[in-house]
């Protein structure tokens, strides 16, 4: 894995493209969830991504790594793909693409909190402030959005918010699990195996809850874009960035995703953009930057005696 190096040129273009793709995933989930239902759309996303990634894995000669380490890879797939994707797709029935993408940005906060509570990785003052700010931003957003009145899909906004936060908590758990169990395994093997294994597990629910009415062309196009662009292509870009500029720089994509998630929602779904959403987003992104160490809280300076 490459050390962290300055991001410039093509790497910067790929970083922005990755943020645009992952931000667009919330748009496509919003467009496809109602017609397909969560179970069917989940399977299509996972199976489509696996179908694209498997040939790349074989061509690069990394199939033996997947075959050898399939158990921990499938486990991390359940934690970081199957369950979180299912949660976000269900939340898309009632939450805007912008709000879901903002809540998605809390994943590094959960990872930092788990590191503190479970692994005794006590954060310094700057990271502690970041954790507090990040979760304060979540409260600000949820305060006015968390209605318990269920819509016609049977899901309330409060449940949708809880599902998004549960998904990001799983992302945090998955990050620590991968660090302990998947060190040294090629990232492409992890990405491919996690999607393929999760697709197999999602097959039976998809068959049981396949929509009775055939979804329209917009829903099918959204499912295809979600699988190919927002999952398969996005994983390839992400691992290219890790190889070129290091994991620490690649993870900065987290700070850009909400901007694209909000932007796509406003542009294509006519979602409202109010001051509370902007403020909550800014607080969460600032808190995440501090909690991950990407930004440091100013130190107190003491005047010379």
C-alpha atoms as a PDB file:
ATOM      1  CA  UNK A   1       0.000   0.000   0.000  1.00  0.00           C
ATOM      2  CA  UNK A   2       1.407   3.378  -0.981  1.00  0.00           C
ATOM      3  CA  UNK A   3       2.278   5.927   1.694  1.00  0.00           C
ATOM      4  CA  UNK A   4       0.209   9.079   1.815  1.00  0.00           C
ATOM      5  CA  UNK A   5       1.421  11.439  -0.900  1.00  0.00           C
ATOM      6  CA  UNK A   6       0.025  14.782  -2.110  1.00  0.00           C
ATOM      7  CA  UNK A   7      -3.105  14.506  -4.254  1.00  0.00           C
ATOM      8  CA  UNK A   8      -2.682  16.153  -7.629  1.00  0.00           C
ATOM      9  CA  UNK A   9      -3.634  15.869 -11.292  1.00  0.00           C
ATOM     10  CA  UNK A  10      -5.433  12.674 -12.272  1.00  0.00           C
ATOM     11  CA  UNK A  11      -5.664  11.504  -8.647  1.00  0.00           C
ATOM     12  CA  UNK A  12      -7.657  14.613  -7.748  1.00  0.00           C
ATOM     13  CA  UNK A  13      -9.978  14.041 -10.709  1.00  0.00           C
ATOM     14  CA  UNK A  14     -10.532  10.436  -9.619  1.00  0.00           C
ATOM     15  CA  UNK A  15     -11.176  11.505  -6.013  1.00  0.00           C
ATOM     16  CA  UNK A  16     -13.893  13.938  -7.125  1.00  0.00           C
ATOM     17  CA  UNK A  17     -15.363  11.343  -9.518  1.00  0.00           C
ATOM     18  CA  UNK A  18     -15.480   8.785  -6.703  1.00  0.00           C
ATOM     19  CA  UNK A  19     -17.311  11.248  -4.443  1.00  0.00           C
ATOM     20  CA  UNK A  20     -19.755  11.989  -7.273  1.00  0.00           C
ATOM     21  CA  UNK A  21     -20.440   8.261  -7.792  1.00  0.00           C
ATOM     22  CA  UNK A  22     -20.913   7.454  -4.130  1.00  0.00           C
ATOM     23  CA  UNK A  23     -23.012  10.581  -3.690  1.00  0.00           C
ATOM     24  CA  UNK A  24     -25.148   9.482  -6.646  1.00  0.00           C
ATOM     25  CA  UNK A  25     -25.812   6.113  -5.003  1.00  0.00           C
ATOM     26  CA  UNK A  26     -28.299   7.828  -2.684  1.00  0.00           C
ATOM     27  CA  UNK A  27     -30.081   9.324  -5.701  1.00  0.00           C
ATOM     28  CA  UNK A  28     -30.349   5.933  -7.435  1.00  0.00           C
ATOM     29  CA  UNK A  29     -31.513   4.186  -4.264  1.00  0.00           C
ATOM     30  CA  UNK A  30     -34.199   6.830  -3.923  1.00  0.00           C
ATOM     31  CA  UNK A  31     -35.287   6.296  -7.549  1.00  0.00           C
ATOM     32  CA  UNK A  32     -35.286   2.497  -7.415  1.00  0.00           C
ATOM     33  CA  UNK A  33     -36.365   1.572  -3.883  1.00  0.00           C
ATOM     34  CA  UNK A  34     -40.080   2.229  -4.265  1.00  0.00           C
ATOM     35  CA  UNK A  35     -40.509   0.191  -7.478  1.00  0.00           C
ATOM     36  CA  UNK A  36     -38.235  -2.718  -6.607  1.00  0.00           C
ATOM     37  CA  UNK A  37     -38.535  -2.810  -2.838  1.00  0.00           C
ATOM     38  CA  UNK A  38     -35.451  -3.089  -0.619  1.00  0.00           C
ATOM     39  CA  UNK A  39     -34.838  -6.850  -1.063  1.00  0.00           C
ATOM     40  CA  UNK A  40     -34.845  -6.910  -4.861  1.00  0.00           C
ATOM     41  CA  UNK A  41     -32.845  -3.696  -5.290  1.00  0.00           C
ATOM     42  CA  UNK A  42     -30.295  -4.915  -2.756  1.00  0.00           C
ATOM     43  CA  UNK A  43     -29.736  -8.132  -4.704  1.00  0.00           C
ATOM     44  CA  UNK A  44     -29.450  -6.311  -8.037  1.00  0.00           C
ATOM     45  CA  UNK A  45     -26.857  -3.924  -6.611  1.00  0.00           C
ATOM     46  CA  UNK A  46     -24.726  -6.695  -5.127  1.00  0.00           C
ATOM     47  CA  UNK A  47     -25.053  -9.182  -7.991  1.00  0.00           C
ATOM     48  CA  UNK A  48     -24.452  -6.534 -10.656  1.00  0.00           C
ATOM     49  CA  UNK A  49     -21.316  -5.281  -8.906  1.00  0.00           C
ATOM     50  CA  UNK A  50     -20.015  -8.842  -8.456  1.00  0.00           C
ATOM     51  CA  UNK A  51     -20.624  -9.617 -12.143  1.00  0.00           C
ATOM     52  CA  UNK A  52     -18.476  -6.626 -13.131  1.00  0.00           C
ATOM     53  CA  UNK A  53     -15.707  -7.205 -10.578  1.00  0.00           C
ATOM     54  CA  UNK A  54     -15.251 -10.992 -10.959  1.00  0.00           C
ATOM     55  CA  UNK A  55     -13.735 -10.870 -14.487  1.00  0.00           C
ATOM     56  CA  UNK A  56     -11.366  -8.097 -13.375  1.00  0.00           C
ATOM     57  CA  UNK A  57     -10.303 -10.203 -10.392  1.00  0.00           C
ATOM     58  CA  UNK A  58      -9.614 -13.245 -12.591  1.00  0.00           C
ATOM     59  CA  UNK A  59      -7.708 -11.210 -15.210  1.00  0.00           C
ATOM     60  CA  UNK A  60      -5.476  -9.780 -12.497  1.00  0.00           C
ATOM     61  CA  UNK A  61      -4.718 -13.259 -11.171  1.00  0.00           C
ATOM     62  CA  UNK A  62      -6.197 -12.618  -7.718  1.00  0.00           C
ATOM     63  CA  UNK A  63      -8.785 -15.407  -7.701  1.00  0.00           C
ATOM     64  CA  UNK A  64      -6.594 -17.652  -5.467  1.00  0.00           C
ATOM     65  CA  UNK A  65      -6.593 -14.965  -2.754  1.00  0.00           C
ATOM     66  CA  UNK A  66     -10.381 -14.896  -2.746  1.00  0.00           C
ATOM     67  CA  UNK A  67     -10.635 -18.679  -2.699  1.00  0.00           C
ATOM     68  CA  UNK A  68      -8.168 -18.950   0.186  1.00  0.00           C
ATOM     69  CA  UNK A  69      -9.674 -16.239   2.383  1.00  0.00           C
ATOM     70  CA  UNK A  70     -13.354 -16.408   1.423  1.00  0.00           C
ATOM     71  CA  UNK A  71     -14.691 -16.830   4.970  1.00  0.00           C
ATOM     72  CA  UNK A  72     -13.414 -13.546   6.461  1.00  0.00           C
ATOM     73  CA  UNK A  73     -14.080 -11.783   3.146  1.00  0.00           C
ATOM     74  CA  UNK A  74     -17.732 -12.868   3.113  1.00  0.00           C
ATOM     75  CA  UNK A  75     -18.016 -11.916   6.790  1.00  0.00           C
ATOM     76  CA  UNK A  76     -16.762  -8.405   6.116  1.00  0.00           C
ATOM     77  CA  UNK A  77     -19.125  -8.290   3.129  1.00  0.00           C
ATOM     78  CA  UNK A  78     -22.101  -8.958   5.376  1.00  0.00           C
ATOM     79  CA  UNK A  79     -20.949  -6.237   7.784  1.00  0.00           C
ATOM     80  CA  UNK A  80     -20.001  -3.581   5.231  1.00  0.00           C
ATOM     81  CA  UNK A  81     -22.204  -4.344   2.207  1.00  0.00           C
ATOM     82  CA  UNK A  82     -25.204  -6.624   2.754  1.00  0.00           C
ATOM     83  CA  UNK A  83     -26.600  -5.106   5.953  1.00  0.00           C
ATOM     84  CA  UNK A  84     -25.660  -1.424   5.388  1.00  0.00           C
ATOM     85  CA  UNK A  85     -26.918  -1.449   1.786  1.00  0.00           C
ATOM     86  CA  UNK A  86     -30.193  -2.999   2.956  1.00  0.00           C
ATOM     87  CA  UNK A  87     -30.525  -0.310   5.633  1.00  0.00           C
ATOM     88  CA  UNK A  88     -29.820   2.592   3.269  1.00  0.00           C
ATOM     89  CA  UNK A  89     -32.167   1.240   0.582  1.00  0.00           C
ATOM     90  CA  UNK A  90     -34.972   0.884   3.130  1.00  0.00           C
ATOM     91  CA  UNK A  91     -34.268   4.387   4.435  1.00  0.00           C
ATOM     92  CA  UNK A  92     -34.460   5.683   0.847  1.00  0.00           C
ATOM     93  CA  UNK A  93     -38.196   4.968   0.920  1.00  0.00           C
ATOM     94  CA  UNK A  94     -38.697   7.878   3.318  1.00  0.00           C
ATOM     95  CA  UNK A  95     -35.512   9.990   3.506  1.00  0.00           C
ATOM     96  CA  UNK A  96     -34.152  12.399   0.924  1.00  0.00           C
ATOM     97  CA  UNK A  97     -30.963  11.510  -0.934  1.00  0.00           C
ATOM     98  CA  UNK A  98     -29.272  14.529   0.632  1.00  0.00           C
ATOM     99  CA  UNK A  99     -30.105  13.591   4.218  1.00  0.00           C
ATOM    100  CA  UNK A 100     -29.040   9.969   3.734  1.00  0.00           C
ATOM    101  CA  UNK A 101     -25.704  11.031   2.240  1.00  0.00           C
ATOM    102  CA  UNK A 102     -25.064  13.374   5.172  1.00  0.00           C
ATOM    103  CA  UNK A 103     -25.799  10.632   7.701  1.00  0.00           C
ATOM    104  CA  UNK A 104     -23.478   8.342   5.726  1.00  0.00           C
ATOM    105  CA  UNK A 105     -20.626  10.725   6.582  1.00  0.00           C
ATOM    106  CA  UNK A 106     -20.825   9.657  10.239  1.00  0.00           C
ATOM    107  CA  UNK A 107     -19.119   6.310   9.498  1.00  0.00           C
ATOM    108  CA  UNK A 108     -15.638   7.564  10.527  1.00  0.00           C
ATOM    109  CA  UNK A 109     -17.147   8.904  13.756  1.00  0.00           C
ATOM    110  CA  UNK A 110     -18.393   5.431  14.666  1.00  0.00           C
ATOM    111  CA  UNK A 111     -15.019   3.919  13.743  1.00  0.00           C
ATOM    112  CA  UNK A 112     -13.268   6.386  16.067  1.00  0.00           C
ATOM    113  CA  UNK A 113     -15.781   5.765  18.859  1.00  0.00           C
ATOM    114  CA  UNK A 114     -15.409   1.967  18.558  1.00  0.00           C
ATOM    115  CA  UNK A 115     -11.640   2.332  18.644  1.00  0.00           C
ATOM    116  CA  UNK A 116     -11.969   4.293  21.873  1.00  0.00           C
ATOM    117  CA  UNK A 117     -14.509   2.079  23.657  1.00  0.00           C
ATOM    118  CA  UNK A 118     -13.459  -1.380  22.458  1.00  0.00           C
ATOM    119  CA  UNK A 119      -9.752  -1.048  21.739  1.00  0.00           C
ATOM    120  CA  UNK A 120      -8.856   1.619  24.319  1.00  0.00           C
ATOM    121  CA  UNK A 121      -7.601   3.893  21.545  1.00  0.00           C
ATOM    122  CA  UNK A 122      -8.276   7.035  23.527  1.00  0.00           C
ATOM    123  CA  UNK A 123      -8.700  10.080  21.282  1.00  0.00           C
ATOM    124  CA  UNK A 124      -6.792  13.265  21.935  1.00  0.00           C
ATOM    125  CA  UNK A 125      -8.525  16.587  22.578  1.00  0.00           C
ATOM    126  CA  UNK A 126      -8.926  17.362  18.883  1.00  0.00           C
ATOM    127  CA  UNK A 127     -10.527  13.999  18.072  1.00  0.00           C
ATOM    128  CA  UNK A 128     -12.764  14.174  21.143  1.00  0.00           C
ATOM    129  CA  UNK A 129     -14.073  17.553  20.009  1.00  0.00           C
ATOM    130  CA  UNK A 130     -14.653  16.042  16.557  1.00  0.00           C
ATOM    131  CA  UNK A 131     -16.719  13.181  17.954  1.00  0.00           C
ATOM    132  CA  UNK A 132     -18.837  15.577  19.998  1.00  0.00           C
ATOM    133  CA  UNK A 133     -19.358  17.927  17.049  1.00  0.00           C
ATOM    134  CA  UNK A 134     -20.184  15.123  14.634  1.00  0.00           C
ATOM    135  CA  UNK A 135     -22.898  13.586  16.764  1.00  0.00           C
ATOM    136  CA  UNK A 136     -24.223  17.059  17.621  1.00  0.00           C
ATOM    137  CA  UNK A 137     -24.679  17.575  13.881  1.00  0.00           C
ATOM    138  CA  UNK A 138     -26.668  14.344  13.691  1.00  0.00           C
ATOM    139  CA  UNK A 139     -28.937  15.541  16.492  1.00  0.00           C
ATOM    140  CA  UNK A 140     -29.446  18.863  14.722  1.00  0.00           C
ATOM    141  CA  UNK A 141     -30.527  17.096  11.540  1.00  0.00           C
ATOM    142  CA  UNK A 142     -32.665  14.471  13.243  1.00  0.00           C
ATOM    143  CA  UNK A 143     -34.430  16.925  15.549  1.00  0.00           C
ATOM    144  CA  UNK A 144     -36.722  18.248  12.825  1.00  0.00           C
ATOM    145  CA  UNK A 145     -36.748  15.156  10.568  1.00  0.00           C
ATOM    146  CA  UNK A 146     -37.418  12.235  12.918  1.00  0.00           C
ATOM    147  CA  UNK A 147     -41.159  11.886  12.576  1.00  0.00           C
ATOM    148  CA  UNK A 148     -42.562   8.571  13.804  1.00  0.00           C
ATOM    149  CA  UNK A 149     -45.478   8.694  11.359  1.00  0.00           C
ATOM    150  CA  UNK A 150     -45.055   5.848   8.860  1.00  0.00           C
ATOM    151  CA  UNK A 151     -45.532   6.481   5.157  1.00  0.00           C
ATOM    152  CA  UNK A 152     -47.356   4.214   2.723  1.00  0.00           C
ATOM    153  CA  UNK A 153     -44.310   1.906   2.642  1.00  0.00           C
ATOM    154  CA  UNK A 154     -44.660   1.313   6.376  1.00  0.00           C
ATOM    155  CA  UNK A 155     -41.406   3.086   7.244  1.00  0.00           C
ATOM    156  CA  UNK A 156     -41.238   6.320   9.245  1.00  0.00           C
ATOM    157  CA  UNK A 157     -38.508   8.989   8.898  1.00  0.00           C
ATOM    158  CA  UNK A 158     -37.361   8.192  12.446  1.00  0.00           C
ATOM    159  CA  UNK A 159     -36.830   4.564  11.471  1.00  0.00           C
ATOM    160  CA  UNK A 160     -35.060   5.691   8.299  1.00  0.00           C
ATOM    161  CA  UNK A 161     -32.616   7.833  10.290  1.00  0.00           C
ATOM    162  CA  UNK A 162     -32.027   4.978  12.736  1.00  0.00           C
ATOM    163  CA  UNK A 163     -31.325   2.624   9.826  1.00  0.00           C
ATOM    164  CA  UNK A 164     -28.786   5.039   8.301  1.00  0.00           C
ATOM    165  CA  UNK A 165     -26.979   5.381  11.623  1.00  0.00           C
ATOM    166  CA  UNK A 166     -27.049   1.599  12.114  1.00  0.00           C
ATOM    167  CA  UNK A 167     -25.498   1.217   8.646  1.00  0.00           C
ATOM    168  CA  UNK A 168     -22.692   3.654   9.415  1.00  0.00           C
ATOM    169  CA  UNK A 169     -22.103   1.921  12.751  1.00  0.00           C
ATOM    170  CA  UNK A 170     -21.639  -1.311  10.789  1.00  0.00           C
ATOM    171  CA  UNK A 171     -19.170   0.478   8.511  1.00  0.00           C
ATOM    172  CA  UNK A 172     -17.200   1.403  11.629  1.00  0.00           C
ATOM    173  CA  UNK A 173     -17.292  -2.192  12.902  1.00  0.00           C
ATOM    174  CA  UNK A 174     -16.282  -3.458   9.469  1.00  0.00           C
ATOM    175  CA  UNK A 175     -13.280  -1.141   9.313  1.00  0.00           C
ATOM    176  CA  UNK A 176     -11.880  -2.601  12.532  1.00  0.00           C
ATOM    177  CA  UNK A 177     -12.731  -6.178  11.504  1.00  0.00           C
ATOM    178  CA  UNK A 178     -10.996  -5.740   8.153  1.00  0.00           C
ATOM    179  CA  UNK A 179      -7.919  -4.288   9.845  1.00  0.00           C
ATOM    180  CA  UNK A 180      -7.658  -7.355  12.101  1.00  0.00           C
ATOM    181  CA  UNK A 181      -8.698 -10.156   9.730  1.00  0.00           C
ATOM    182  CA  UNK A 182      -7.950  -9.015   6.162  1.00  0.00           C
ATOM    183  CA  UNK A 183      -4.469  -7.516   6.393  1.00  0.00           C
ATOM    184  CA  UNK A 184      -2.372  -8.522   3.389  1.00  0.00           C
ATOM    185  CA  UNK A 185      -5.291  -9.709   1.260  1.00  0.00           C
ATOM    186  CA  UNK A 186      -5.536  -7.879  -2.101  1.00  0.00           C
ATOM    187  CA  UNK A 187      -8.236  -5.173  -1.818  1.00  0.00           C
ATOM    188  CA  UNK A 188      -9.802  -6.209  -5.136  1.00  0.00           C
ATOM    189  CA  UNK A 189     -10.289  -9.739  -3.781  1.00  0.00           C
ATOM    190  CA  UNK A 190     -11.976  -8.281  -0.699  1.00  0.00           C
ATOM    191  CA  UNK A 191     -14.233  -6.034  -2.785  1.00  0.00           C
ATOM    192  CA  UNK A 192     -15.220  -8.778  -5.218  1.00  0.00           C
ATOM    193  CA  UNK A 193     -15.726 -11.480  -2.613  1.00  0.00           C
ATOM    194  CA  UNK A 194     -17.709  -9.208  -0.329  1.00  0.00           C
ATOM    195  CA  UNK A 195     -20.128  -8.295  -3.123  1.00  0.00           C
ATOM    196  CA  UNK A 196     -20.420 -11.840  -4.491  1.00  0.00           C
ATOM    197  CA  UNK A 197     -20.893 -13.453  -1.091  1.00  0.00           C
ATOM    198  CA  UNK A 198     -23.450 -10.852  -0.074  1.00  0.00           C
ATOM    199  CA  UNK A 199     -25.317 -11.329  -3.377  1.00  0.00           C
ATOM    200  CA  UNK A 200     -25.663 -15.060  -2.684  1.00  0.00           C
ATOM    201  CA  UNK A 201     -27.092 -14.319   0.771  1.00  0.00           C
ATOM    202  CA  UNK A 202     -29.471 -11.705  -0.670  1.00  0.00           C
ATOM    203  CA  UNK A 203     -30.851 -14.024  -3.371  1.00  0.00           C
ATOM    204  CA  UNK A 204     -33.567 -15.804  -1.358  1.00  0.00           C
ATOM    205  CA  UNK A 205     -35.095 -12.592   0.131  1.00  0.00           C
ATOM    206  CA  UNK A 206     -35.050 -11.056  -3.367  1.00  0.00           C
ATOM    207  CA  UNK A 207     -36.963 -14.033  -4.803  1.00  0.00           C
ATOM    208  CA  UNK A 208     -39.471 -13.999  -1.943  1.00  0.00           C
ATOM    209  CA  UNK A 209     -40.115 -10.242  -2.182  1.00  0.00           C
ATOM    210  CA  UNK A 210     -39.623  -9.677  -5.895  1.00  0.00           C
ATOM    211  CA  UNK A 211     -42.051  -6.941  -7.001  1.00  0.00           C
ATOM    212  CA  UNK A 212     -45.349  -8.223  -8.350  1.00  0.00           C
ATOM    213  CA  UNK A 213     -45.484  -5.367 -10.860  1.00  0.00           C
ATOM    214  CA  UNK A 214     -42.587  -5.013 -13.279  1.00  0.00           C
ATOM    215  CA  UNK A 215     -40.551  -1.895 -12.384  1.00  0.00           C
ATOM    216  CA  UNK A 216     -40.320   0.869 -14.945  1.00  0.00           C
ATOM    217  CA  UNK A 217     -37.294   1.885 -17.041  1.00  0.00           C
ATOM    218  CA  UNK A 218     -36.182   4.557 -14.560  1.00  0.00           C
ATOM    219  CA  UNK A 219     -36.042   2.010 -11.746  1.00  0.00           C
ATOM    220  CA  UNK A 220     -34.113  -0.486 -13.892  1.00  0.00           C
ATOM    221  CA  UNK A 221     -31.668   2.190 -15.035  1.00  0.00           C
ATOM    222  CA  UNK A 222     -31.190   3.246 -11.417  1.00  0.00           C
ATOM    223  CA  UNK A 223     -30.484  -0.351 -10.353  1.00  0.00           C
ATOM    224  CA  UNK A 224     -27.940  -0.754 -13.164  1.00  0.00           C
ATOM    225  CA  UNK A 225     -26.208   2.533 -12.336  1.00  0.00           C
ATOM    226  CA  UNK A 226     -26.177   1.641  -8.646  1.00  0.00           C
ATOM    227  CA  UNK A 227     -24.490  -1.721  -9.335  1.00  0.00           C
ATOM    228  CA  UNK A 228     -22.075  -0.828 -12.126  1.00  0.00           C
ATOM    229  CA  UNK A 229     -21.135   2.793 -11.461  1.00  0.00           C
ATOM    230  CA  UNK A 230     -21.743   3.389  -7.747  1.00  0.00           C
ATOM    231  CA  UNK A 231     -20.454   0.016  -6.537  1.00  0.00           C
ATOM    232  CA  UNK A 232     -18.175  -1.797  -9.033  1.00  0.00           C
ATOM    233  CA  UNK A 233     -16.540   1.222 -10.695  1.00  0.00           C
ATOM    234  CA  UNK A 234     -16.416   3.126  -7.415  1.00  0.00           C
ATOM    235  CA  UNK A 235     -14.528   0.268  -5.723  1.00  0.00           C
ATOM    236  CA  UNK A 236     -11.986   0.187  -8.570  1.00  0.00           C
ATOM    237  CA  UNK A 237     -11.445   3.945  -8.280  1.00  0.00           C
ATOM    238  CA  UNK A 238     -11.152   3.744  -4.498  1.00  0.00           C
ATOM    239  CA  UNK A 239      -8.483   1.054  -4.594  1.00  0.00           C
ATOM    240  CA  UNK A 240      -6.601   2.906  -7.341  1.00  0.00           C
ATOM    241  CA  UNK A 241      -6.511   5.946  -5.089  1.00  0.00           C
ATOM    242  CA  UNK A 242      -5.279   3.898  -2.131  1.00  0.00           C
ATOM    243  CA  UNK A 243      -2.474   2.552  -4.327  1.00  0.00           C
ATOM    244  CA  UNK A 244      -1.504   5.965  -5.701  1.00  0.00           C
ATOM    245  CA  UNK A 245      -1.929   8.376  -2.775  1.00  0.00           C
ATOM    246  CA  UNK A 246      -2.388   6.171   0.295  1.00  0.00           C
ATOM    247  CA  UNK A 247      -5.376   5.227   2.433  1.00  0.00           C
ATOM    248  CA  UNK A 248      -5.234   8.399   4.525  1.00  0.00           C
ATOM    249  CA  UNK A 249      -5.716  10.617   1.480  1.00  0.00           C
ATOM    250  CA  UNK A 250      -8.228   8.300  -0.188  1.00  0.00           C
ATOM    251  CA  UNK A 251     -10.550   8.431   2.831  1.00  0.00           C
ATOM    252  CA  UNK A 252     -10.937  12.194   2.364  1.00  0.00           C
ATOM    253  CA  UNK A 253     -13.618  11.286  -0.167  1.00  0.00           C
ATOM    254  CA  UNK A 254     -15.892  11.040   2.909  1.00  0.00           C
ATOM    255  CA  UNK A 255     -15.915  14.828   3.162  1.00  0.00           C
ATOM    256  CA  UNK A 256     -17.035  15.315  -0.457  1.00  0.00           C
ATOM    257  CA  UNK A 257     -19.850  12.744  -0.649  1.00  0.00           C
ATOM    258  CA  UNK A 258     -22.517  14.826   1.189  1.00  0.00           C
ATOM    259  CA  UNK A 259     -22.027  17.739  -1.210  1.00  0.00           C
ATOM    260  CA  UNK A 260     -22.730  15.492  -4.182  1.00  0.00           C
ATOM    261  CA  UNK A 261     -25.539  13.631  -2.414  1.00  0.00           C
ATOM    262  CA  UNK A 262     -27.280  16.914  -1.658  1.00  0.00           C
ATOM    263  CA  UNK A 263     -26.535  18.310  -5.117  1.00  0.00           C
ATOM    264  CA  UNK A 264     -27.909  15.314  -7.023  1.00  0.00           C
ATOM    265  CA  UNK A 265     -31.035  15.332  -4.848  1.00  0.00           C
ATOM    266  CA  UNK A 266     -31.671  19.024  -5.461  1.00  0.00           C
ATOM    267  CA  UNK A 267     -30.924  18.753  -9.196  1.00  0.00           C
ATOM    268  CA  UNK A 268     -32.879  15.610 -10.098  1.00  0.00           C
ATOM    269  CA  UNK A 269     -35.415  15.125  -7.304  1.00  0.00           C
ATOM    270  CA  UNK A 270     -36.247  18.751  -6.473  1.00  0.00           C
ATOM    271  CA  UNK A 271     -35.271  18.130  -2.853  1.00  0.00           C
ATOM    272  CA  UNK A 272     -35.360  21.133  -0.574  1.00  0.00           C
ATOM    273  CA  UNK A 273     -32.115  22.657   0.634  1.00  0.00           C
ATOM    274  CA  UNK A 274     -32.650  24.564   3.858  1.00  0.00           C
ATOM    275  CA  UNK A 275     -30.358  26.200   6.374  1.00  0.00           C
ATOM    276  CA  UNK A 276     -30.734  23.393   8.935  1.00  0.00           C
ATOM    277  CA  UNK A 277     -29.566  20.750   6.453  1.00  0.00           C
ATOM    278  CA  UNK A 278     -26.587  22.863   5.404  1.00  0.00           C
ATOM    279  CA  UNK A 279     -25.652  23.587   9.032  1.00  0.00           C
ATOM    280  CA  UNK A 280     -26.006  19.951  10.078  1.00  0.00           C
ATOM    281  CA  UNK A 281     -23.927  18.815   7.106  1.00  0.00           C
ATOM    282  CA  UNK A 282     -21.176  21.347   7.878  1.00  0.00           C
ATOM    283  CA  UNK A 283     -21.032  20.330  11.551  1.00  0.00           C
ATOM    284  CA  UNK A 284     -20.876  16.603  10.730  1.00  0.00           C
ATOM    285  CA  UNK A 285     -18.146  17.077   8.115  1.00  0.00           C
ATOM    286  CA  UNK A 286     -16.125  19.287  10.477  1.00  0.00           C
ATOM    287  CA  UNK A 287     -16.541  16.763  13.290  1.00  0.00           C
ATOM    288  CA  UNK A 288     -15.521  13.907  11.004  1.00  0.00           C
ATOM    289  CA  UNK A 289     -12.422  15.786   9.850  1.00  0.00           C
ATOM    290  CA  UNK A 290     -11.388  16.336  13.464  1.00  0.00           C
ATOM    291  CA  UNK A 291     -12.267  12.791  14.601  1.00  0.00           C
ATOM    292  CA  UNK A 292     -10.195  11.225  11.810  1.00  0.00           C
ATOM    293  CA  UNK A 293      -7.220  13.522  12.359  1.00  0.00           C
ATOM    294  CA  UNK A 294      -7.561  15.161   8.933  1.00  0.00           C
ATOM    295  CA  UNK A 295      -7.995  18.463  10.762  1.00  0.00           C
ATOM    296  CA  UNK A 296      -6.519  19.493  14.097  1.00  0.00           C
ATOM    297  CA  UNK A 297      -8.215  21.605  16.773  1.00  0.00           C
ATOM    298  CA  UNK A 298      -6.081  24.693  17.470  1.00  0.00           C
ATOM    299  CA  UNK A 299      -3.810  24.251  20.459  1.00  0.00           C
ATOM    300  CA  UNK A 300      -3.871  26.712  23.284  1.00  0.00           C
ATOM    301  CA  UNK A 301      -0.927  29.049  23.211  1.00  0.00           C
ATOM    302  CA  UNK A 302       0.596  30.299  26.425  1.00  0.00           C
ATOM    303  CA  UNK A 303       2.261  33.729  26.435  1.00  0.00           C
ATOM    304  CA  UNK A 304       5.906  33.723  27.339  1.00  0.00           C
ATOM    305  CA  UNK A 305       6.628  34.696  30.919  1.00  0.00           C
END
